[in-house]
């Protein structure tokens, strides 16, 4: 069997409306298997794309999230899931996010 690239298969599909319809009918999740099956029916094998792991710099460029502040003095991270959960449970987020709402006094302010 001759090995072809996805680009070559796309060019074949562009020239053949029936093939284009078959490829268009499959979902993204099943596309790799369907494309390999179609190529096999036509007497071809699809090229396997080269897969490489991302470097740490590449991961940092696309990863989201917060910088974790220095907690050496024992402070809670205000962006942690636990603090967010407790603030919502106590209704503190609603008070602060409601326009015109009076600020909530902390226990040390009393």
PDB file of N, CA and C in Angstrom:
ATOM      1  N   UNK A   1       0.844  -1.193   0.000  1.00  0.00           N
ATOM      2  CA  UNK A   1       0.000   0.000   0.000  1.00  0.00           C
ATOM      3  C   UNK A   1       0.878   1.241   0.000  1.00  0.00           C
ATOM      4  N   UNK A   2       0.440   2.214  -0.755  1.00  0.00           N
ATOM      5  CA  UNK A   2       1.139   3.488  -0.812  1.00  0.00           C
ATOM      6  C   UNK A   2       0.704   4.344   0.379  1.00  0.00           C
ATOM      7  N   UNK A   3       1.648   5.048   0.988  1.00  0.00           N
ATOM      8  CA  UNK A   3       1.347   5.934   2.108  1.00  0.00           C
ATOM      9  C   UNK A   3       1.107   7.341   1.580  1.00  0.00           C
ATOM     10  N   UNK A   4      -0.006   7.944   2.031  1.00  0.00           N
ATOM     11  CA  UNK A   4      -0.339   9.311   1.616  1.00  0.00           C
ATOM     12  C   UNK A   4      -0.508  10.188   2.850  1.00  0.00           C
ATOM     13  N   UNK A   5      -0.397  11.486   2.654  1.00  0.00           N
ATOM     14  CA  UNK A   5      -0.587  12.439   3.757  1.00  0.00           C
ATOM     15  C   UNK A   5      -2.049  12.871   3.812  1.00  0.00           C
ATOM     16  N   UNK A   6      -2.402  13.532   4.900  1.00  0.00           N
ATOM     17  CA  UNK A   6      -3.765  14.074   5.022  1.00  0.00           C
ATOM     18  C   UNK A   6      -4.020  15.123   3.948  1.00  0.00           C
ATOM     19  N   UNK A   7      -2.984  15.861   3.580  1.00  0.00           N
ATOM     20  CA  UNK A   7      -3.131  16.872   2.540  1.00  0.00           C
ATOM     21  C   UNK A   7      -3.510  16.212   1.214  1.00  0.00           C
ATOM     22  N   UNK A   8      -2.858  15.088   0.894  1.00  0.00           N
ATOM     23  CA  UNK A   8      -3.185  14.380  -0.347  1.00  0.00           C
ATOM     24  C   UNK A   8      -4.608  13.830  -0.302  1.00  0.00           C
ATOM     25  N   UNK A   9      -5.022  13.318   0.853  1.00  0.00           N
ATOM     26  CA  UNK A   9      -6.396  12.816   0.991  1.00  0.00           C
ATOM     27  C   UNK A   9      -7.389  13.970   0.844  1.00  0.00           C
ATOM     28  N   UNK A  10      -7.052  15.145   1.377  1.00  0.00           N
ATOM     29  CA  UNK A  10      -7.926  16.313   1.244  1.00  0.00           C
ATOM     30  C   UNK A  10      -8.051  16.738  -0.209  1.00  0.00           C
ATOM     31  N   UNK A  11      -6.956  16.648  -0.958  1.00  0.00           N
ATOM     32  CA  UNK A  11      -7.010  16.986  -2.383  1.00  0.00           C
ATOM     33  C   UNK A  11      -7.901  16.011  -3.143  1.00  0.00           C
ATOM     34  N   UNK A  12      -7.836  14.718  -2.767  1.00  0.00           N
ATOM     35  CA  UNK A  12      -8.710  13.722  -3.397  1.00  0.00           C
ATOM     36  C   UNK A  12     -10.174  14.018  -3.060  1.00  0.00           C
ATOM     37  N   UNK A  13     -10.427  14.399  -1.800  1.00  0.00           N
ATOM     38  CA  UNK A  13     -11.802  14.701  -1.378  1.00  0.00           C
ATOM     39  C   UNK A  13     -12.330  15.952  -2.072  1.00  0.00           C
ATOM     40  N   UNK A  14     -11.455  16.912  -2.335  1.00  0.00           N
ATOM     41  CA  UNK A  14     -11.876  18.131  -3.022  1.00  0.00           C
ATOM     42  C   UNK A  14     -12.348  17.820  -4.443  1.00  0.00           C
ATOM     43  N   UNK A  15     -11.778  16.792  -5.048  1.00  0.00           N
ATOM     44  CA  UNK A  15     -12.139  16.426  -6.419  1.00  0.00           C
ATOM     45  C   UNK A  15     -13.312  15.458  -6.484  1.00  0.00           C
ATOM     46  N   UNK A  16     -13.683  14.844  -5.359  1.00  0.00           N
ATOM     47  CA  UNK A  16     -14.736  13.827  -5.345  1.00  0.00           C
ATOM     48  C   UNK A  16     -15.829  14.218  -4.351  1.00  0.00           C
ATOM     49  N   UNK A  17     -16.990  14.698  -4.827  1.00  0.00           N
ATOM     50  CA  UNK A  17     -18.062  15.134  -3.916  1.00  0.00           C
ATOM     51  C   UNK A  17     -18.562  14.024  -2.987  1.00  0.00           C
ATOM     52  N   UNK A  18     -18.624  12.781  -3.459  1.00  0.00           N
ATOM     53  CA  UNK A  18     -19.102  11.684  -2.607  1.00  0.00           C
ATOM     54  C   UNK A  18     -18.131  11.443  -1.448  1.00  0.00           C
ATOM     55  N   UNK A  19     -16.849  11.493  -1.734  1.00  0.00           N
ATOM     56  CA  UNK A  19     -15.837  11.316  -0.694  1.00  0.00           C
ATOM     57  C   UNK A  19     -15.890  12.488   0.294  1.00  0.00           C
ATOM     58  N   UNK A  20     -16.062  13.685  -0.222  1.00  0.00           N
ATOM     59  CA  UNK A  20     -16.159  14.876   0.617  1.00  0.00           C
ATOM     60  C   UNK A  20     -17.365  14.769   1.554  1.00  0.00           C
ATOM     61  N   UNK A  21     -18.478  14.253   1.054  1.00  0.00           N
ATOM     62  CA  UNK A  21     -19.674  14.080   1.890  1.00  0.00           C
ATOM     63  C   UNK A  21     -19.453  13.041   2.982  1.00  0.00           C
ATOM     64  N   UNK A  22     -18.763  11.945   2.641  1.00  0.00           N
ATOM     65  CA  UNK A  22     -18.473  10.911   3.659  1.00  0.00           C
ATOM     66  C   UNK A  22     -17.613  11.471   4.771  1.00  0.00           C
ATOM     67  N   UNK A  23     -16.608  12.248   4.401  1.00  0.00           N
ATOM     68  CA  UNK A  23     -15.721  12.818   5.419  1.00  0.00           C
ATOM     69  C   UNK A  23     -16.466  13.869   6.234  1.00  0.00           C
ATOM     70  N   UNK A  24     -17.284  14.675   5.595  1.00  0.00           N
ATOM     71  CA  UNK A  24     -18.037  15.715   6.286  1.00  0.00           C
ATOM     72  C   UNK A  24     -19.089  15.180   7.235  1.00  0.00           C
ATOM     73  N   UNK A  25     -19.543  13.946   7.026  1.00  0.00           N
ATOM     74  CA  UNK A  25     -20.590  13.361   7.865  1.00  0.00           C
ATOM     75  C   UNK A  25     -20.065  12.837   9.196  1.00  0.00           C
ATOM     76  N   UNK A  26     -18.747  12.669   9.314  1.00  0.00           N
ATOM     77  CA  UNK A  26     -18.224  12.111  10.566  1.00  0.00           C
ATOM     78  C   UNK A  26     -17.927  13.233  11.558  1.00  0.00           C
ATOM     79  N   UNK A  27     -17.977  12.892  12.842  1.00  0.00           N
ATOM     80  CA  UNK A  27     -17.683  13.873  13.886  1.00  0.00           C
ATOM     81  C   UNK A  27     -16.174  13.991  14.058  1.00  0.00           C
ATOM     82  N   UNK A  28     -15.747  15.028  14.755  1.00  0.00           N
ATOM     83  CA  UNK A  28     -14.313  15.245  14.972  1.00  0.00           C
ATOM     84  C   UNK A  28     -13.691  14.091  15.753  1.00  0.00           C
ATOM     85  N   UNK A  29     -14.458  13.515  16.686  1.00  0.00           N
ATOM     86  CA  UNK A  29     -13.929  12.432  17.504  1.00  0.00           C
ATOM     87  C   UNK A  29     -13.679  11.166  16.692  1.00  0.00           C
ATOM     88  N   UNK A  30     -14.525  10.911  15.719  1.00  0.00           N
ATOM     89  CA  UNK A  30     -14.362   9.692  14.932  1.00  0.00           C
ATOM     90  C   UNK A  30     -13.574   9.905  13.645  1.00  0.00           C
ATOM     91  N   UNK A  31     -13.185  11.150  13.352  1.00  0.00           N
ATOM     92  CA  UNK A  31     -12.501  11.475  12.098  1.00  0.00           C
ATOM     93  C   UNK A  31     -11.212  10.683  11.858  1.00  0.00           C
ATOM     94  N   UNK A  32     -10.322  10.528  12.846  1.00  0.00           N
ATOM     95  CA  UNK A  32      -9.100   9.782  12.556  1.00  0.00           C
ATOM     96  C   UNK A  32      -9.367   8.350  12.071  1.00  0.00           C
ATOM     97  N   UNK A  33     -10.295   7.660  12.709  1.00  0.00           N
ATOM     98  CA  UNK A  33     -10.625   6.300  12.302  1.00  0.00           C
ATOM     99  C   UNK A  33     -11.314   6.252  10.950  1.00  0.00           C
ATOM    100  N   UNK A  34     -12.223   7.194  10.723  1.00  0.00           N
ATOM    101  CA  UNK A  34     -12.940   7.240   9.451  1.00  0.00           C
ATOM    102  C   UNK A  34     -11.972   7.545   8.301  1.00  0.00           C
ATOM    103  N   UNK A  35     -11.083   8.519   8.508  1.00  0.00           N
ATOM    104  CA  UNK A  35     -10.126   8.871   7.461  1.00  0.00           C
ATOM    105  C   UNK A  35      -9.189   7.708   7.149  1.00  0.00           C
ATOM    106  N   UNK A  36      -8.730   7.017   8.176  1.00  0.00           N
ATOM    107  CA  UNK A  36      -7.863   5.864   7.953  1.00  0.00           C
ATOM    108  C   UNK A  36      -8.628   4.766   7.205  1.00  0.00           C
ATOM    109  N   UNK A  37      -9.910   4.562   7.554  1.00  0.00           N
ATOM    110  CA  UNK A  37     -10.725   3.559   6.874  1.00  0.00           C
ATOM    111  C   UNK A  37     -10.968   3.899   5.412  1.00  0.00           C
ATOM    112  N   UNK A  38     -11.255   5.170   5.137  1.00  0.00           N
ATOM    113  CA  UNK A  38     -11.475   5.609   3.757  1.00  0.00           C
ATOM    114  C   UNK A  38     -10.205   5.428   2.938  1.00  0.00           C
ATOM    115  N   UNK A  39      -9.076   5.825   3.515  1.00  0.00           N
ATOM    116  CA  UNK A  39      -7.803   5.665   2.810  1.00  0.00           C
ATOM    117  C   UNK A  39      -7.534   4.194   2.540  1.00  0.00           C
ATOM    118  N   UNK A  40      -7.837   3.328   3.500  1.00  0.00           N
ATOM    119  CA  UNK A  40      -7.642   1.884   3.326  1.00  0.00           C
ATOM    120  C   UNK A  40      -8.511   1.321   2.219  1.00  0.00           C
ATOM    121  N   UNK A  41      -9.760   1.783   2.141  1.00  0.00           N
ATOM    122  CA  UNK A  41     -10.658   1.334   1.072  1.00  0.00           C
ATOM    123  C   UNK A  41     -10.135   1.727  -0.305  1.00  0.00           C
ATOM    124  N   UNK A  42      -9.406   2.842  -0.343  1.00  0.00           N
ATOM    125  CA  UNK A  42      -8.876   3.320  -1.612  1.00  0.00           C
ATOM    126  C   UNK A  42      -7.502   2.724  -1.928  1.00  0.00           C
ATOM    127  N   UNK A  43      -6.987   1.879  -1.012  1.00  0.00           N
ATOM    128  CA  UNK A  43      -5.694   1.240  -1.234  1.00  0.00           C
ATOM    129  C   UNK A  43      -4.505   2.035  -0.719  1.00  0.00           C
ATOM    130  N   UNK A  44      -4.752   2.960   0.202  1.00  0.00           N
ATOM    131  CA  UNK A  44      -3.690   3.786   0.760  1.00  0.00           C
ATOM    132  C   UNK A  44      -3.591   3.595   2.269  1.00  0.00           C
ATOM    133  N   UNK A  45      -2.448   3.987   2.797  1.00  0.00           N
ATOM    134  CA  UNK A  45      -2.249   4.064   4.242  1.00  0.00           C
ATOM    135  C   UNK A  45      -1.975   5.523   4.574  1.00  0.00           C
ATOM    136  N   UNK A  46      -2.599   6.026   5.630  1.00  0.00           N
ATOM    137  CA  UNK A  46      -2.372   7.422   6.015  1.00  0.00           C
ATOM    138  C   UNK A  46      -1.083   7.558   6.803  1.00  0.00           C
ATOM    139  N   UNK A  47      -0.361   8.633   6.515  1.00  0.00           N
ATOM    140  CA  UNK A  47       0.853   8.973   7.253  1.00  0.00           C
ATOM    141  C   UNK A  47       0.478   9.298   8.691  1.00  0.00           C
ATOM    142  N   UNK A  48       1.261   8.842   9.614  1.00  0.00           N
ATOM    143  CA  UNK A  48       1.038   9.183  11.018  1.00  0.00           C
ATOM    144  C   UNK A  48       1.718  10.520  11.287  1.00  0.00           C
ATOM    145  N   UNK A  49       0.998  11.491  11.839  1.00  0.00           N
ATOM    146  CA  UNK A  49       1.630  12.785  12.135  1.00  0.00           C
ATOM    147  C   UNK A  49       2.629  12.639  13.268  1.00  0.00           C
ATOM    148  N   UNK A  50       3.694  13.411  13.204  1.00  0.00           N
ATOM    149  CA  UNK A  50       4.700  13.393  14.261  1.00  0.00           C
ATOM    150  C   UNK A  50       4.130  14.067  15.499  1.00  0.00           C
ATOM    151  N   UNK A  51       4.230  13.399  16.614  1.00  0.00           N
ATOM    152  CA  UNK A  51       3.724  13.929  17.868  1.00  0.00           C
ATOM    153  C   UNK A  51       4.914  14.152  18.797  1.00  0.00           C
ATOM    154  N   UNK A  52       5.010  15.356  19.315  1.00  0.00           N
ATOM    155  CA  UNK A  52       6.083  15.668  20.251  1.00  0.00           C
ATOM    156  C   UNK A  52       5.490  16.283  21.506  1.00  0.00           C
ATOM    157  N   UNK A  53       6.167  16.075  22.610  1.00  0.00           N
ATOM    158  CA  UNK A  53       5.714  16.654  23.875  1.00  0.00           C
ATOM    159  C   UNK A  53       6.050  18.137  23.906  1.00  0.00           C
ATOM    160  N   UNK A  54       5.213  18.903  24.593  1.00  0.00           N
ATOM    161  CA  UNK A  54       5.470  20.330  24.739  1.00  0.00           C
ATOM    162  C   UNK A  54       6.596  20.550  25.745  1.00  0.00           C
ATOM    163  N   UNK A  55       7.415  21.548  25.486  1.00  0.00           N
ATOM    164  CA  UNK A  55       8.460  21.911  26.442  1.00  0.00           C
ATOM    165  C   UNK A  55       7.815  22.696  27.583  1.00  0.00           C
ATOM    166  N   UNK A  56       8.557  22.895  28.673  1.00  0.00           N
ATOM    167  CA  UNK A  56       8.029  23.661  29.800  1.00  0.00           C
ATOM    168  C   UNK A  56       7.691  25.088  29.389  1.00  0.00           C
ATOM    169  N   UNK A  57       8.514  25.686  28.524  1.00  0.00           N
ATOM    170  CA  UNK A  57       8.242  27.048  28.063  1.00  0.00           C
ATOM    171  C   UNK A  57       6.956  27.111  27.242  1.00  0.00           C
ATOM    172  N   UNK A  58       6.725  26.103  26.391  1.00  0.00           N
ATOM    173  CA  UNK A  58       5.505  26.066  25.585  1.00  0.00           C
ATOM    174  C   UNK A  58       4.272  25.882  26.467  1.00  0.00           C
ATOM    175  N   UNK A  59       4.384  25.059  27.498  1.00  0.00           N
ATOM    176  CA  UNK A  59       3.270  24.855  28.423  1.00  0.00           C
ATOM    177  C   UNK A  59       2.982  26.147  29.174  1.00  0.00           C
ATOM    178  N   UNK A  60       4.020  26.834  29.624  1.00  0.00           N
ATOM    179  CA  UNK A  60       3.832  28.095  30.343  1.00  0.00           C
ATOM    180  C   UNK A  60       3.152  29.140  29.469  1.00  0.00           C
ATOM    181  N   UNK A  61       3.444  29.110  28.181  1.00  0.00           N
ATOM    182  CA  UNK A  61       2.863  30.096  27.269  1.00  0.00           C
ATOM    183  C   UNK A  61       1.363  29.902  27.094  1.00  0.00           C
ATOM    184  N   UNK A  62       0.861  28.686  27.243  1.00  0.00           N
ATOM    185  CA  UNK A  62      -0.565  28.436  27.015  1.00  0.00           C
ATOM    186  C   UNK A  62      -1.353  28.145  28.282  1.00  0.00           C
ATOM    187  N   UNK A  63      -0.677  27.911  29.396  1.00  0.00           N
ATOM    188  CA  UNK A  63      -1.365  27.569  30.636  1.00  0.00           C
ATOM    189  C   UNK A  63      -1.898  28.823  31.308  1.00  0.00           C
ATOM    190  N   UNK A  64      -3.069  28.711  31.880  1.00  0.00           N
ATOM    191  CA  UNK A  64      -3.639  29.840  32.602  1.00  0.00           C
ATOM    192  C   UNK A  64      -3.476  29.645  34.082  1.00  0.00           C
ATOM    193  N   UNK A  65      -4.057  30.502  34.835  1.00  0.00           N
ATOM    194  CA  UNK A  65      -4.031  30.368  36.288  1.00  0.00           C
ATOM    195  C   UNK A  65      -3.363  31.548  36.953  1.00  0.00           C
ATOM    196  N   UNK A  66      -3.266  31.458  38.237  1.00  0.00           N
ATOM    197  CA  UNK A  66      -2.708  32.531  39.050  1.00  0.00           C
ATOM    198  C   UNK A  66      -1.321  32.164  39.514  1.00  0.00           C
ATOM    199  N   UNK A  67      -0.499  33.173  39.726  1.00  0.00           N
ATOM    200  CA  UNK A  67       0.764  32.963  40.421  1.00  0.00           C
ATOM    201  C   UNK A  67       0.424  32.722  41.877  1.00  0.00           C
ATOM    202  N   UNK A  68       1.073  31.766  42.479  1.00  0.00           N
ATOM    203  CA  UNK A  68       0.828  31.497  43.889  1.00  0.00           C
ATOM    204  C   UNK A  68       1.674  32.474  44.696  1.00  0.00           C
ATOM    205  N   UNK A  69       1.037  33.290  45.538  1.00  0.00           N
ATOM    206  CA  UNK A  69       1.806  34.256  46.317  1.00  0.00           C
ATOM    207  C   UNK A  69       2.645  33.558  47.378  1.00  0.00           C
ATOM    208  N   UNK A  70       3.640  34.264  47.873  1.00  0.00           N
ATOM    209  CA  UNK A  70       4.496  33.733  48.934  1.00  0.00           C
ATOM    210  C   UNK A  70       3.662  33.640  50.206  1.00  0.00           C
ATOM    211  N   UNK A  71       3.505  32.449  50.739  1.00  0.00           N
ATOM    212  CA  UNK A  71       2.698  32.250  51.940  1.00  0.00           C
ATOM    213  C   UNK A  71       3.577  31.892  53.127  1.00  0.00           C
ATOM    214  N   UNK A  72       4.799  32.355  53.112  1.00  0.00           N
ATOM    215  CA  UNK A  72       5.713  32.002  54.192  1.00  0.00           C
ATOM    216  C   UNK A  72       5.268  32.577  55.533  1.00  0.00           C
ATOM    217  N   UNK A  73       4.426  33.605  55.503  1.00  0.00           N
ATOM    218  CA  UNK A  73       3.967  34.222  56.742  1.00  0.00           C
ATOM    219  C   UNK A  73       2.643  33.636  57.218  1.00  0.00           C
ATOM    220  N   UNK A  74       2.189  32.547  56.602  1.00  0.00           N
ATOM    221  CA  UNK A  74       0.996  31.857  57.059  1.00  0.00           C
ATOM    222  C   UNK A  74      -0.319  32.390  56.530  1.00  0.00           C
ATOM    223  N   UNK A  75      -0.296  33.320  55.592  1.00  0.00           N
ATOM    224  CA  UNK A  75      -1.536  33.843  55.035  1.00  0.00           C
ATOM    225  C   UNK A  75      -2.171  32.822  54.107  1.00  0.00           C
ATOM    226  N   UNK A  76      -3.500  32.863  54.011  1.00  0.00           N
ATOM    227  CA  UNK A  76      -4.208  32.018  53.073  1.00  0.00           C
ATOM    228  C   UNK A  76      -4.077  32.587  51.666  1.00  0.00           C
ATOM    229  N   UNK A  77      -3.998  31.732  50.713  1.00  0.00           N
ATOM    230  CA  UNK A  77      -3.986  32.156  49.317  1.00  0.00           C
ATOM    231  C   UNK A  77      -5.397  32.608  48.966  1.00  0.00           C
ATOM    232  N   UNK A  78      -5.609  33.883  48.647  1.00  0.00           N
ATOM    233  CA  UNK A  78      -6.968  34.358  48.374  1.00  0.00           C
ATOM    234  C   UNK A  78      -7.561  33.782  47.094  1.00  0.00           C
ATOM    235  N   UNK A  79      -6.764  33.121  46.276  1.00  0.00           N
ATOM    236  CA  UNK A  79      -7.247  32.563  45.028  1.00  0.00           C
ATOM    237  C   UNK A  79      -7.411  31.041  45.089  1.00  0.00           C
ATOM    238  N   UNK A  80      -7.251  30.449  46.263  1.00  0.00           N
ATOM    239  CA  UNK A  80      -7.376  28.998  46.363  1.00  0.00           C
ATOM    240  C   UNK A  80      -8.846  28.592  46.290  1.00  0.00           C
ATOM    241  N   UNK A  81      -9.079  27.351  45.921  1.00  0.00           N
ATOM    242  CA  UNK A  81     -10.451  26.859  45.805  1.00  0.00           C
ATOM    243  C   UNK A  81     -11.137  26.875  47.162  1.00  0.00           C
ATOM    244  N   UNK A  82     -10.383  26.617  48.245  1.00  0.00           N
ATOM    245  CA  UNK A  82     -10.982  26.556  49.574  1.00  0.00           C
ATOM    246  C   UNK A  82     -11.470  27.934  50.018  1.00  0.00           C
ATOM    247  N   UNK A  83     -10.640  28.958  49.801  1.00  0.00           N
ATOM    248  CA  UNK A  83     -11.037  30.308  50.193  1.00  0.00           C
ATOM    249  C   UNK A  83     -12.232  30.755  49.360  1.00  0.00           C
ATOM    250  N   UNK A  84     -12.212  30.471  48.055  1.00  0.00           N
ATOM    251  CA  UNK A  84     -13.346  30.823  47.199  1.00  0.00           C
ATOM    252  C   UNK A  84     -14.619  30.123  47.665  1.00  0.00           C
ATOM    253  N   UNK A  85     -14.515  28.843  48.013  1.00  0.00           N
ATOM    254  CA  UNK A  85     -15.666  28.076  48.484  1.00  0.00           C
ATOM    255  C   UNK A  85     -16.226  28.674  49.777  1.00  0.00           C
ATOM    256  N   UNK A  86     -15.337  28.983  50.712  1.00  0.00           N
ATOM    257  CA  UNK A  86     -15.794  29.523  51.990  1.00  0.00           C
ATOM    258  C   UNK A  86     -16.423  30.909  51.812  1.00  0.00           C
ATOM    259  N   UNK A  87     -15.849  31.736  50.943  1.00  0.00           N
ATOM    260  CA  UNK A  87     -16.427  33.062  50.705  1.00  0.00           C
ATOM    261  C   UNK A  87     -17.833  32.934  50.126  1.00  0.00           C
ATOM    262  N   UNK A  88     -18.019  32.017  49.214  1.00  0.00           N
ATOM    263  CA  UNK A  88     -19.351  31.832  48.625  1.00  0.00           C
ATOM    264  C   UNK A  88     -20.316  31.245  49.640  1.00  0.00           C
ATOM    265  N   UNK A  89     -19.829  30.312  50.449  1.00  0.00           N
ATOM    266  CA  UNK A  89     -20.668  29.693  51.466  1.00  0.00           C
ATOM    267  C   UNK A  89     -21.149  30.732  52.478  1.00  0.00           C
ATOM    268  N   UNK A  90     -20.288  31.672  52.829  1.00  0.00           N
ATOM    269  CA  UNK A  90     -20.633  32.707  53.803  1.00  0.00           C
ATOM    270  C   UNK A  90     -21.321  33.904  53.153  1.00  0.00           C
ATOM    271  N   UNK A  91     -21.452  33.889  51.800  1.00  0.00           N
ATOM    272  CA  UNK A  91     -22.121  34.983  51.118  1.00  0.00           C
ATOM    273  C   UNK A  91     -21.278  36.236  50.991  1.00  0.00           C
ATOM    274  N   UNK A  92     -19.984  36.123  51.180  1.00  0.00           N
ATOM    275  CA  UNK A  92     -19.115  37.300  51.117  1.00  0.00           C
ATOM    276  C   UNK A  92     -18.949  37.801  49.686  1.00  0.00           C
ATOM    277  N   UNK A  93     -18.910  36.913  48.701  1.00  0.00           N
ATOM    278  CA  UNK A  93     -18.730  37.350  47.315  1.00  0.00           C
ATOM    279  C   UNK A  93     -19.919  38.154  46.834  1.00  0.00           C
ATOM    280  N   UNK A  94     -21.134  37.768  47.251  1.00  0.00           N
ATOM    281  CA  UNK A  94     -22.311  38.476  46.799  1.00  0.00           C
ATOM    282  C   UNK A  94     -22.311  39.905  47.334  1.00  0.00           C
ATOM    283  N   UNK A  95     -21.904  40.096  48.584  1.00  0.00           N
ATOM    284  CA  UNK A  95     -21.880  41.428  49.176  1.00  0.00           C
ATOM    285  C   UNK A  95     -20.911  42.338  48.442  1.00  0.00           C
ATOM    286  N   UNK A  96     -19.753  41.828  48.130  1.00  0.00           N
ATOM    287  CA  UNK A  96     -18.717  42.641  47.508  1.00  0.00           C
ATOM    288  C   UNK A  96     -18.993  42.904  46.036  1.00  0.00           C
ATOM    289  N   UNK A  97     -19.693  42.001  45.367  1.00  0.00           N
ATOM    290  CA  UNK A  97     -19.932  42.150  43.943  1.00  0.00           C
ATOM    291  C   UNK A  97     -21.233  42.857  43.612  1.00  0.00           C
ATOM    292  N   UNK A  98     -22.048  43.125  44.613  1.00  0.00           N
ATOM    293  CA  UNK A  98     -23.314  43.801  44.376  1.00  0.00           C
ATOM    294  C   UNK A  98     -23.069  45.303  44.336  1.00  0.00           C
ATOM    295  N   UNK A  99     -23.403  45.954  43.202  1.00  0.00           N
ATOM    296  CA  UNK A  99     -23.178  47.399  43.119  1.00  0.00           C
ATOM    297  C   UNK A  99     -23.981  48.140  44.176  1.00  0.00           C
ATOM    298  N   UNK A 100     -23.340  49.068  44.875  1.00  0.00           N
ATOM    299  CA  UNK A 100     -24.017  49.881  45.880  1.00  0.00           C
ATOM    300  C   UNK A 100     -24.162  49.208  47.223  1.00  0.00           C
ATOM    301  N   UNK A 101     -23.677  47.975  47.390  1.00  0.00           N
ATOM    302  CA  UNK A 101     -23.807  47.275  48.654  1.00  0.00           C
ATOM    303  C   UNK A 101     -22.790  47.832  49.644  1.00  0.00           C
ATOM    304  N   UNK A 102     -23.206  47.905  50.902  1.00  0.00           N
ATOM    305  CA  UNK A 102     -22.293  48.381  51.936  1.00  0.00           C
ATOM    306  C   UNK A 102     -21.224  47.325  52.190  1.00  0.00           C
ATOM    307  N   UNK A 103     -19.996  47.743  52.458  1.00  0.00           N
ATOM    308  CA  UNK A 103     -18.947  46.761  52.726  1.00  0.00           C
ATOM    309  C   UNK A 103     -19.237  45.977  53.991  1.00  0.00           C
ATOM    310  N   UNK A 104     -18.859  44.717  53.990  1.00  0.00           N
ATOM    311  CA  UNK A 104     -19.075  43.848  55.129  1.00  0.00           C
ATOM    312  C   UNK A 104     -17.942  44.059  56.120  1.00  0.00           C
ATOM    313  N   UNK A 105     -18.276  44.268  57.380  1.00  0.00           N
ATOM    314  CA  UNK A 105     -17.253  44.488  58.395  1.00  0.00           C
ATOM    315  C   UNK A 105     -16.613  43.160  58.774  1.00  0.00           C
ATOM    316  N   UNK A 106     -15.325  43.168  58.972  1.00  0.00           N
ATOM    317  CA  UNK A 106     -14.634  41.965  59.426  1.00  0.00           C
ATOM    318  C   UNK A 106     -14.679  41.926  60.942  1.00  0.00           C
ATOM    319  N   UNK A 107     -14.409  40.775  61.557  1.00  0.00           N
ATOM    320  CA  UNK A 107     -14.460  40.665  63.018  1.00  0.00           C
ATOM    321  C   UNK A 107     -13.466  41.618  63.700  1.00  0.00           C
ATOM    322  N   UNK A 108     -12.365  41.954  63.035  1.00  0.00           N
ATOM    323  CA  UNK A 108     -11.394  42.847  63.663  1.00  0.00           C
ATOM    324  C   UNK A 108     -11.829  44.303  63.602  1.00  0.00           C
ATOM    325  N   UNK A 109     -12.816  44.637  62.750  1.00  0.00           N
ATOM    326  CA  UNK A 109     -13.303  46.011  62.636  1.00  0.00           C
ATOM    327  C   UNK A 109     -14.285  46.365  63.738  1.00  0.00           C
ATOM    328  N   UNK A 110     -14.793  45.401  64.460  1.00  0.00           N
ATOM    329  CA  UNK A 110     -15.837  45.642  65.473  1.00  0.00           C
ATOM    330  C   UNK A 110     -15.258  46.038  66.782  1.00  0.00           C
TER     331      UNK A 110
END
